[in-house]
Amino acid sequence: MTRKILAVVVAAVLIIGGTVGVCAADEPHMRAALERLKEAKEQLEKAAPNKGGHREKAIELINHAIEQVKKGIEFGEMHEGHGRY
């Protein structure tokens, strides 16, 4: 199960890395990434807590990723039409 948690976190990081800081035209991708992160968090929260703290750490990292995506969306909305950032 630890490998599954790690896979979710890695996927989340890749999603974020590929989407944060894009222009407003790419907002649907940011919003899709946000939804996937929320789904991943839900799955981790449903998992048994006996993972040596790794499940909790994964949830913490996803919470951070969610906040970063939200900030990226807000930034894109404030700078709409100004190209890539």
N, C-alpha and C. Protein backbone atom coordinates (compact mmCIF):
# COMPACT_ATOMS: atom_id res chain seq x y z
N MET A 1 0.81 -1.19 0.00
CA MET A 1 0.00 0.00 0.00
C MET A 1 0.86 1.26 0.00
N THR A 2 2.03 1.19 0.61
CA THR A 2 2.92 2.35 0.64
C THR A 2 3.30 2.76 -0.79
N ARG A 3 3.48 1.79 -1.66
CA ARG A 3 3.81 2.12 -3.06
C ARG A 3 2.66 2.85 -3.74
N LYS A 4 1.43 2.46 -3.40
CA LYS A 4 0.27 3.15 -3.98
C LYS A 4 0.23 4.60 -3.51
N ILE A 5 0.49 4.82 -2.23
CA ILE A 5 0.50 6.18 -1.69
C ILE A 5 1.58 6.99 -2.38
N LEU A 6 2.77 6.42 -2.51
CA LEU A 6 3.86 7.10 -3.18
C LEU A 6 3.49 7.42 -4.62
N ALA A 7 2.84 6.48 -5.29
CA ALA A 7 2.43 6.70 -6.68
C ALA A 7 1.45 7.86 -6.79
N VAL A 8 0.52 7.96 -5.83
CA VAL A 8 -0.45 9.06 -5.84
C VAL A 8 0.27 10.39 -5.65
N VAL A 9 1.20 10.43 -4.71
CA VAL A 9 1.93 11.68 -4.45
C VAL A 9 2.77 12.07 -5.67
N VAL A 10 3.45 11.11 -6.26
CA VAL A 10 4.26 11.39 -7.46
C VAL A 10 3.38 11.90 -8.59
N ALA A 11 2.23 11.27 -8.78
CA ALA A 11 1.31 11.71 -9.83
C ALA A 11 0.84 13.14 -9.56
N ALA A 12 0.54 13.42 -8.30
CA ALA A 12 0.09 14.77 -7.94
C ALA A 12 1.17 15.80 -8.24
N VAL A 13 2.40 15.47 -7.89
CA VAL A 13 3.51 16.40 -8.14
C VAL A 13 3.69 16.61 -9.64
N LEU A 14 3.58 15.55 -10.42
CA LEU A 14 3.71 15.69 -11.88
C LEU A 14 2.58 16.53 -12.47
N ILE A 15 1.38 16.33 -11.95
CA ILE A 15 0.24 17.13 -12.43
C ILE A 15 0.49 18.60 -12.12
N ILE A 16 0.90 18.86 -10.88
CA ILE A 16 1.13 20.25 -10.47
C ILE A 16 2.28 20.85 -11.27
N GLY A 17 3.37 20.13 -11.40
CA GLY A 17 4.52 20.64 -12.13
C GLY A 17 4.19 20.97 -13.57
N GLY A 18 3.25 20.23 -14.13
CA GLY A 18 2.88 20.46 -15.52
C GLY A 18 1.82 21.53 -15.71
N THR A 19 1.20 21.97 -14.60
CA THR A 19 0.09 22.89 -14.77
C THR A 19 0.25 24.22 -14.05
N VAL A 20 1.00 24.29 -12.98
CA VAL A 20 1.11 25.54 -12.23
C VAL A 20 1.83 26.57 -13.08
N GLY A 21 1.32 27.77 -13.08
CA GLY A 21 1.98 28.88 -13.76
C GLY A 21 1.62 29.02 -15.23
N VAL A 22 0.61 28.32 -15.70
CA VAL A 22 0.22 28.48 -17.10
C VAL A 22 -0.76 29.63 -17.23
N CYS A 23 -0.92 30.10 -18.45
CA CYS A 23 -1.79 31.26 -18.66
C CYS A 23 -3.26 30.90 -18.47
N ALA A 24 -4.09 31.90 -18.44
CA ALA A 24 -5.51 31.72 -18.17
C ALA A 24 -6.19 30.81 -19.19
N ALA A 25 -5.69 30.76 -20.41
CA ALA A 25 -6.27 29.89 -21.42
C ALA A 25 -6.21 28.43 -20.99
N ASP A 26 -5.30 28.09 -20.10
CA ASP A 26 -5.14 26.71 -19.63
C ASP A 26 -5.87 26.44 -18.32
N GLU A 27 -6.73 27.34 -17.88
CA GLU A 27 -7.44 27.15 -16.62
C GLU A 27 -8.13 25.81 -16.50
N PRO A 28 -8.75 25.27 -17.55
CA PRO A 28 -9.42 23.98 -17.39
C PRO A 28 -8.46 22.89 -16.90
N HIS A 29 -7.22 22.96 -17.26
CA HIS A 29 -6.24 21.97 -16.82
C HIS A 29 -5.92 22.14 -15.34
N MET A 30 -5.85 23.39 -14.91
CA MET A 30 -5.60 23.66 -13.50
C MET A 30 -6.77 23.16 -12.67
N ARG A 31 -7.97 23.43 -13.14
CA ARG A 31 -9.16 23.00 -12.41
C ARG A 31 -9.27 21.47 -12.41
N ALA A 32 -8.91 20.83 -13.51
CA ALA A 32 -8.92 19.37 -13.57
C ALA A 32 -7.89 18.79 -12.60
N ALA A 33 -6.72 19.40 -12.55
CA ALA A 33 -5.69 18.96 -11.61
C ALA A 33 -6.18 19.09 -10.17
N LEU A 34 -6.85 20.19 -9.88
CA LEU A 34 -7.39 20.42 -8.54
C LEU A 34 -8.38 19.32 -8.17
N GLU A 35 -9.26 18.96 -9.10
CA GLU A 35 -10.23 17.91 -8.83
C GLU A 35 -9.55 16.56 -8.60
N ARG A 36 -8.52 16.25 -9.39
CA ARG A 36 -7.80 14.97 -9.23
C ARG A 36 -7.08 14.92 -7.88
N LEU A 37 -6.53 16.04 -7.47
CA LEU A 37 -5.88 16.10 -6.16
C LEU A 37 -6.89 15.86 -5.04
N LYS A 38 -8.05 16.46 -5.16
CA LYS A 38 -9.09 16.26 -4.15
C LYS A 38 -9.53 14.80 -4.12
N GLU A 39 -9.63 14.18 -5.29
CA GLU A 39 -10.00 12.76 -5.36
C GLU A 39 -8.92 11.89 -4.72
N ALA A 40 -7.66 12.21 -4.98
CA ALA A 40 -6.56 11.45 -4.37
C ALA A 40 -6.59 11.58 -2.86
N LYS A 41 -6.87 12.79 -2.37
CA LYS A 41 -6.94 13.01 -0.94
C LYS A 41 -8.06 12.18 -0.32
N GLU A 42 -9.22 12.14 -0.98
CA GLU A 42 -10.34 11.35 -0.49
C GLU A 42 -9.96 9.88 -0.37
N GLN A 43 -9.27 9.37 -1.38
CA GLN A 43 -8.86 7.96 -1.35
C GLN A 43 -7.88 7.69 -0.21
N LEU A 44 -6.94 8.59 -0.02
CA LEU A 44 -5.98 8.43 1.07
C LEU A 44 -6.67 8.49 2.42
N GLU A 45 -7.65 9.36 2.56
CA GLU A 45 -8.37 9.48 3.82
C GLU A 45 -9.18 8.22 4.12
N LYS A 46 -9.61 7.51 3.09
CA LYS A 46 -10.36 6.26 3.26
C LYS A 46 -9.45 5.08 3.57
N ALA A 47 -8.18 5.20 3.23
CA ALA A 47 -7.22 4.11 3.45
C ALA A 47 -6.97 3.91 4.95
N ALA A 48 -6.62 2.70 5.31
CA ALA A 48 -6.29 2.40 6.71
C ALA A 48 -5.08 3.23 7.13
N PRO A 49 -5.06 3.72 8.37
CA PRO A 49 -3.99 4.61 8.82
C PRO A 49 -2.69 3.91 9.20
N ASN A 50 -2.60 2.62 9.07
CA ASN A 50 -1.42 1.88 9.52
C ASN A 50 -0.33 1.82 8.45
N LYS A 51 0.15 2.97 8.05
CA LYS A 51 1.16 3.03 6.97
C LYS A 51 2.46 3.68 7.43
N GLY A 52 2.72 3.65 8.72
CA GLY A 52 3.97 4.20 9.24
C GLY A 52 4.09 5.70 9.07
N GLY A 53 2.96 6.39 9.01
CA GLY A 53 2.98 7.83 8.86
C GLY A 53 3.03 8.31 7.42
N HIS A 54 3.23 7.40 6.48
CA HIS A 54 3.36 7.79 5.06
C HIS A 54 2.02 8.26 4.48
N ARG A 55 0.92 7.64 4.90
CA ARG A 55 -0.40 8.07 4.43
C ARG A 55 -0.66 9.50 4.88
N GLU A 56 -0.36 9.78 6.13
CA GLU A 56 -0.56 11.13 6.66
C GLU A 56 0.33 12.14 5.94
N LYS A 57 1.57 11.75 5.66
CA LYS A 57 2.49 12.65 4.95
C LYS A 57 1.98 12.91 3.53
N ALA A 58 1.45 11.87 2.88
CA ALA A 58 0.91 12.03 1.54
C ALA A 58 -0.27 13.00 1.55
N ILE A 59 -1.14 12.89 2.56
CA ILE A 59 -2.27 13.81 2.69
C ILE A 59 -1.76 15.23 2.88
N GLU A 60 -0.75 15.39 3.71
CA GLU A 60 -0.16 16.71 3.94
C GLU A 60 0.39 17.30 2.64
N LEU A 61 1.09 16.48 1.86
CA LEU A 61 1.65 16.96 0.59
C LEU A 61 0.56 17.32 -0.41
N ILE A 62 -0.49 16.53 -0.43
CA ILE A 62 -1.60 16.82 -1.34
C ILE A 62 -2.30 18.11 -0.92
N ASN A 63 -2.46 18.32 0.39
CA ASN A 63 -3.04 19.58 0.86
C ASN A 63 -2.21 20.76 0.38
N HIS A 64 -0.90 20.62 0.45
CA HIS A 64 -0.01 21.68 -0.03
C HIS A 64 -0.18 21.88 -1.54
N ALA A 65 -0.24 20.77 -2.27
CA ALA A 65 -0.42 20.86 -3.72
C ALA A 65 -1.74 21.53 -4.07
N ILE A 66 -2.80 21.19 -3.34
CA ILE A 66 -4.11 21.81 -3.57
C ILE A 66 -4.02 23.33 -3.40
N GLU A 67 -3.37 23.76 -2.34
CA GLU A 67 -3.22 25.20 -2.10
C GLU A 67 -2.43 25.87 -3.21
N GLN A 68 -1.38 25.21 -3.69
CA GLN A 68 -0.57 25.78 -4.77
C GLN A 68 -1.37 25.90 -6.06
N VAL A 69 -2.17 24.89 -6.38
CA VAL A 69 -2.99 24.95 -7.58
C VAL A 69 -4.01 26.08 -7.47
N LYS A 70 -4.63 26.21 -6.29
CA LYS A 70 -5.59 27.30 -6.09
C LYS A 70 -4.91 28.65 -6.30
N LYS A 71 -3.71 28.80 -5.76
CA LYS A 71 -2.97 30.06 -5.94
C LYS A 71 -2.63 30.28 -7.41
N GLY A 72 -2.28 29.21 -8.11
CA GLY A 72 -1.98 29.31 -9.54
C GLY A 72 -3.19 29.75 -10.34
N ILE A 73 -4.36 29.20 -9.98
CA ILE A 73 -5.60 29.59 -10.65
C ILE A 73 -5.88 31.06 -10.39
N GLU A 74 -5.76 31.48 -9.14
CA GLU A 74 -5.98 32.89 -8.79
C GLU A 74 -5.02 33.80 -9.54
N PHE A 75 -3.76 33.41 -9.60
CA PHE A 75 -2.76 34.21 -10.31
C PHE A 75 -3.13 34.32 -11.78
N GLY A 76 -3.50 33.19 -12.37
CA GLY A 76 -3.88 33.19 -13.78
C GLY A 76 -5.07 34.08 -14.06
N GLU A 77 -6.04 34.06 -13.13
CA GLU A 77 -7.22 34.91 -13.30
C GLU A 77 -6.86 36.39 -13.19
N MET A 78 -5.92 36.72 -12.32
CA MET A 78 -5.51 38.11 -12.14
C MET A 78 -4.70 38.61 -13.33
N HIS A 79 -3.99 37.71 -14.01
CA HIS A 79 -3.10 38.10 -15.09
C HIS A 79 -3.57 37.54 -16.44
N GLU A 80 -4.85 37.34 -16.57
CA GLU A 80 -5.43 36.76 -17.78
C GLU A 80 -4.99 37.52 -19.03
N GLY A 81 -4.59 36.74 -20.01
CA GLY A 81 -4.19 37.32 -21.29
C GLY A 81 -2.79 37.88 -21.34
N HIS A 82 -1.99 37.65 -20.32
CA HIS A 82 -0.62 38.18 -20.30
C HIS A 82 0.43 37.12 -20.59
N GLY A 83 0.03 35.99 -21.15
CA GLY A 83 1.00 34.97 -21.51
C GLY A 83 1.37 34.04 -20.37
N ARG A 84 2.43 33.29 -20.57
CA ARG A 84 2.85 32.28 -19.57
C ARG A 84 3.64 32.94 -18.45
N TYR A 85 3.50 32.35 -17.23
CA TYR A 85 4.22 32.85 -16.07
C TYR A 85 4.97 31.74 -15.41
